[in-house]
N, C-alpha and C. Protein backbone atom coordinates (compact mmCIF):
# COMPACT_ATOMS: atom_id res chain seq x y z
N MET A 1 8.72 9.62 -0.64
CA MET A 1 9.87 9.68 -1.31
C MET A 1 9.47 11.15 -2.08
N LEU A 2 8.64 11.83 -1.73
CA LEU A 2 8.10 13.01 -2.32
C LEU A 2 8.68 14.27 -1.47
N PRO A 3 9.56 15.01 -1.72
CA PRO A 3 9.92 15.97 -0.81
C PRO A 3 9.02 17.08 -0.22
N GLN A 4 8.96 17.18 1.08
CA GLN A 4 7.86 18.12 1.88
C GLN A 4 6.64 17.38 1.86
N LEU A 5 6.25 16.31 1.46
CA LEU A 5 4.86 15.68 1.44
C LEU A 5 4.51 15.45 2.77
N ALA A 6 5.18 15.25 3.83
CA ALA A 6 4.68 15.18 5.28
C ALA A 6 4.14 16.59 5.79
N SER A 7 4.90 17.49 5.52
CA SER A 7 4.65 18.82 6.05
C SER A 7 3.41 19.56 5.20
N ARG A 8 3.29 18.99 4.08
CA ARG A 8 2.11 19.66 3.02
C ARG A 8 0.80 18.82 3.58
N LEU A 9 0.98 17.64 3.88
CA LEU A 9 -0.04 16.88 4.11
C LEU A 9 -0.72 17.39 5.76
N HIS A 10 0.38 17.62 6.61
CA HIS A 10 0.12 18.19 8.06
C HIS A 10 -0.59 19.31 7.78
N ASN A 11 -0.18 20.31 6.92
CA ASN A 11 -0.85 21.58 6.96
C ASN A 11 -2.25 21.42 6.34
N GLU A 12 -2.54 20.62 5.45
CA GLU A 12 -3.87 20.41 4.73
C GLU A 12 -4.68 19.63 5.89
N LEU A 13 -4.28 18.84 6.51
CA LEU A 13 -5.06 18.23 7.70
C LEU A 13 -5.44 19.34 8.88
N VAL A 14 -4.53 19.98 9.20
CA VAL A 14 -4.70 20.77 10.19
C VAL A 14 -5.89 21.81 9.75
N SER A 15 -5.78 22.24 8.56
CA SER A 15 -6.76 23.25 7.77
C SER A 15 -8.01 22.93 7.95
N ILE A 16 -8.35 21.44 7.99
CA ILE A 16 -9.69 21.12 7.91
C ILE A 16 -10.04 20.31 9.10
N ARG A 17 -9.15 20.18 10.21
CA ARG A 17 -9.61 19.66 11.42
C ARG A 17 -10.26 20.93 12.24
N PRO A 18 -10.77 20.36 13.26
CA PRO A 18 -11.58 21.45 14.49
C PRO A 18 -10.13 22.16 15.06
N CYS A 19 -10.42 23.35 15.51
CA CYS A 19 -9.37 24.20 15.99
C CYS A 19 -8.52 23.46 17.24
N HIS A 20 -7.43 23.55 17.44
CA HIS A 20 -6.38 22.97 18.44
C HIS A 20 -6.52 21.41 18.39
N SER A 21 -6.87 20.77 17.48
CA SER A 21 -6.99 19.08 17.49
C SER A 21 -5.45 18.94 16.96
N GLN A 22 -5.21 17.73 17.26
CA GLN A 22 -3.77 17.53 16.95
C GLN A 22 -3.52 16.47 15.85
N VAL A 23 -2.61 16.44 15.06
CA VAL A 23 -2.64 15.85 13.71
C VAL A 23 -1.10 15.42 13.76
N CYS A 24 -1.09 13.89 13.71
CA CYS A 24 0.38 13.52 13.56
C CYS A 24 0.45 12.74 12.00
N VAL A 25 1.52 13.05 11.43
CA VAL A 25 1.73 12.45 10.07
C VAL A 25 3.19 11.58 10.44
N TYR A 26 3.06 10.43 9.88
CA TYR A 26 4.07 9.62 9.86
C TYR A 26 4.62 9.13 8.43
N THR A 27 5.86 9.37 8.44
CA THR A 27 6.49 8.89 7.07
C THR A 27 7.17 7.52 7.36
N ALA A 28 7.14 6.65 6.21
CA ALA A 28 7.89 5.46 6.17
C ALA A 28 9.56 5.51 6.48
N ARG A 29 9.81 4.60 6.96
CA ARG A 29 11.38 4.48 7.10
C ARG A 29 12.01 4.11 5.85
N ASP A 30 11.40 3.30 5.13
CA ASP A 30 11.82 2.73 3.71
C ASP A 30 10.59 2.82 2.90
N PRO A 31 10.54 4.00 2.11
CA PRO A 31 9.08 3.94 1.32
C PRO A 31 9.05 3.27 0.15
N VAL A 32 10.02 2.49 -0.18
CA VAL A 32 10.08 1.97 -1.34
C VAL A 32 9.48 0.61 -1.05
N ILE A 33 9.68 -0.19 0.24
CA ILE A 33 9.03 -1.41 0.42
C ILE A 33 8.05 -1.21 1.54
N ASP A 34 8.06 -0.36 2.36
CA ASP A 34 6.96 -0.32 3.43
C ASP A 34 5.72 -0.66 3.01
N SER A 35 5.20 -0.15 2.11
CA SER A 35 3.76 -0.47 1.91
C SER A 35 3.44 -1.97 1.67
N TRP A 36 4.42 -2.73 1.03
CA TRP A 36 4.42 -4.04 0.95
C TRP A 36 4.49 -4.81 2.35
N ARG A 37 5.58 -4.36 3.18
CA ARG A 37 5.35 -4.80 4.58
C ARG A 37 4.10 -4.67 5.25
N GLY A 38 3.36 -3.65 5.06
CA GLY A 38 1.99 -3.42 5.74
C GLY A 38 1.08 -4.40 5.14
N ALA A 39 0.97 -4.51 3.83
CA ALA A 39 0.13 -5.62 3.17
C ALA A 39 0.52 -6.94 3.65
N ARG A 40 1.97 -7.18 3.92
CA ARG A 40 2.20 -8.50 4.30
C ARG A 40 1.68 -8.83 5.86
N ARG A 41 1.72 -7.83 6.72
CA ARG A 41 1.40 -7.93 8.05
C ARG A 41 -0.38 -8.26 7.88
N CYS A 42 -1.05 -7.30 7.18
CA CYS A 42 -2.34 -7.84 7.14
C CYS A 42 -2.60 -8.95 6.51
N ALA A 43 -1.94 -9.55 5.20
CA ALA A 43 -2.25 -10.73 4.66
C ALA A 43 -1.99 -12.07 5.85
N ASN A 44 -0.77 -11.54 6.54
CA ASN A 44 -0.49 -12.69 7.68
C ASN A 44 -1.52 -12.97 8.99
N MET A 45 -2.35 -11.80 8.90
CA MET A 45 -3.39 -12.03 9.70
C MET A 45 -4.51 -12.52 9.47
N ASN A 46 -4.68 -13.07 8.01
CA ASN A 46 -5.93 -13.80 7.58
C ASN A 46 -5.14 -14.79 6.72
N PRO A 47 -4.98 -16.00 6.98
CA PRO A 47 -4.47 -17.40 6.36
C PRO A 47 -5.14 -17.32 4.82
N ALA A 48 -6.37 -16.89 4.86
CA ALA A 48 -6.77 -17.12 3.60
C ALA A 48 -6.08 -16.44 2.26
N CYS A 49 -5.42 -15.33 2.83
CA CYS A 49 -4.99 -14.31 1.96
C CYS A 49 -3.72 -14.62 1.39
N THR A 50 -3.14 -15.49 2.04
CA THR A 50 -1.60 -16.08 1.82
C THR A 50 -1.53 -16.45 0.12
N SER A 51 -2.62 -17.33 -0.40
CA SER A 51 -2.26 -17.62 -1.75
C SER A 51 -2.67 -16.62 -2.74
N SER A 52 -3.01 -15.31 -2.34
CA SER A 52 -3.08 -14.32 -3.15
C SER A 52 -2.20 -13.17 -2.80
N SER A 53 -1.36 -13.27 -2.01
CA SER A 53 -0.47 -12.28 -1.49
C SER A 53 0.88 -12.53 -2.44
N VAL A 54 1.62 -11.44 -2.70
CA VAL A 54 2.74 -11.33 -3.55
C VAL A 54 3.88 -11.55 -2.50
N THR A 55 4.81 -12.43 -2.56
CA THR A 55 6.03 -12.42 -1.70
C THR A 55 7.00 -11.48 -2.21
N ALA A 56 7.99 -11.28 -1.07
CA ALA A 56 9.00 -10.30 -1.16
C ALA A 56 9.77 -10.52 -2.55
N ALA A 57 10.09 -11.77 -2.65
CA ALA A 57 10.92 -12.24 -4.00
C ALA A 57 10.29 -11.94 -5.12
N GLU A 58 8.84 -12.26 -5.03
CA GLU A 58 8.19 -12.11 -6.26
C GLU A 58 7.96 -10.53 -6.78
N TYR A 59 7.86 -9.71 -5.46
CA TYR A 59 7.88 -8.19 -5.53
C TYR A 59 9.20 -7.56 -6.23
N TRP A 60 10.26 -8.21 -5.75
CA TRP A 60 11.61 -7.60 -6.13
C TRP A 60 11.88 -7.86 -7.69
N GLU A 61 11.28 -9.38 -8.02
CA GLU A 61 11.50 -9.85 -9.42
C GLU A 61 10.71 -9.29 -10.57
N MET A 62 9.22 -9.08 -9.96
CA MET A 62 8.33 -8.71 -11.14
C MET A 62 7.98 -7.15 -10.98
N GLY A 63 8.26 -6.53 -9.73
CA GLY A 63 8.01 -5.11 -9.64
C GLY A 63 6.67 -4.76 -8.96
N GLY A 64 6.25 -3.61 -8.62
CA GLY A 64 5.12 -3.17 -7.67
C GLY A 64 4.00 -3.47 -8.48
N ALA A 65 3.86 -3.59 -9.74
CA ALA A 65 2.60 -3.82 -10.40
C ALA A 65 2.01 -4.98 -10.69
N TYR A 66 2.83 -5.81 -10.13
CA TYR A 66 2.57 -7.51 -10.31
C TYR A 66 1.34 -7.81 -9.37
N LEU A 67 0.53 -8.50 -9.69
CA LEU A 67 -0.81 -8.73 -9.21
C LEU A 67 -0.76 -10.37 -9.32
N LYS A 68 -1.11 -11.09 -8.47
CA LYS A 68 -1.54 -12.66 -8.54
C LYS A 68 -2.92 -12.96 -9.16
N GLU A 69 -3.10 -13.89 -9.90
CA GLU A 69 -4.49 -14.19 -9.99
C GLU A 69 -5.07 -15.27 -9.01
N HIS A 70 -6.28 -15.01 -8.63
CA HIS A 70 -6.88 -15.75 -7.55
C HIS A 70 -8.27 -15.82 -7.64
N SER A 71 -9.11 -16.56 -6.79
CA SER A 71 -10.43 -16.74 -6.99
C SER A 71 -11.31 -15.37 -6.92
N ALA A 72 -10.70 -14.36 -6.49
CA ALA A 72 -11.42 -13.08 -6.52
C ALA A 72 -10.77 -12.07 -7.40
N SER A 73 -9.90 -12.43 -8.33
CA SER A 73 -9.28 -11.40 -9.16
C SER A 73 -10.10 -11.10 -10.30
N ASN A 74 -9.68 -10.11 -11.07
CA ASN A 74 -10.46 -9.81 -12.21
C ASN A 74 -9.34 -10.08 -13.48
N ARG A 75 -9.89 -11.22 -13.94
CA ARG A 75 -8.99 -11.79 -15.13
C ARG A 75 -9.35 -11.06 -16.25
N ALA A 76 -7.94 -10.61 -16.98
CA ALA A 76 -8.38 -10.18 -18.34
C ALA A 76 -8.94 -11.13 -19.41
N ASN A 77 -10.00 -10.63 -20.07
CA ASN A 77 -10.76 -11.44 -20.88
C ASN A 77 -10.01 -11.24 -22.69
N SER A 78 -9.32 -12.18 -23.05
CA SER A 78 -8.60 -12.17 -24.32
C SER A 78 -9.61 -11.76 -25.45
N SER A 79 -10.89 -12.16 -25.22
CA SER A 79 -11.89 -11.93 -26.60
C SER A 79 -12.26 -10.46 -26.39
N VAL A 80 -12.11 -9.56 -25.48
CA VAL A 80 -12.48 -8.33 -25.16
C VAL A 80 -11.46 -7.49 -25.48
N LEU A 81 -10.16 -7.89 -25.40
CA LEU A 81 -9.03 -7.06 -25.85
C LEU A 81 -9.00 -6.97 -27.22
């Protein structure tokens, strides 16, 4: 969603890569939700992740900053706050 990000990233990568090496930069078809789709694919590969994964409905309802609490999450301690 950032204008010219792909070309800037390509130029930066070409400048640090060996001469004549190829660099491919791909952009998301739908930058608003594609990161969630990638995380969903990763979570679906590991059934243990299902309980800690955010569903599409939860994402749209609560936003991208929403995180589920699970056995490995860092819970806020109200006595510290």
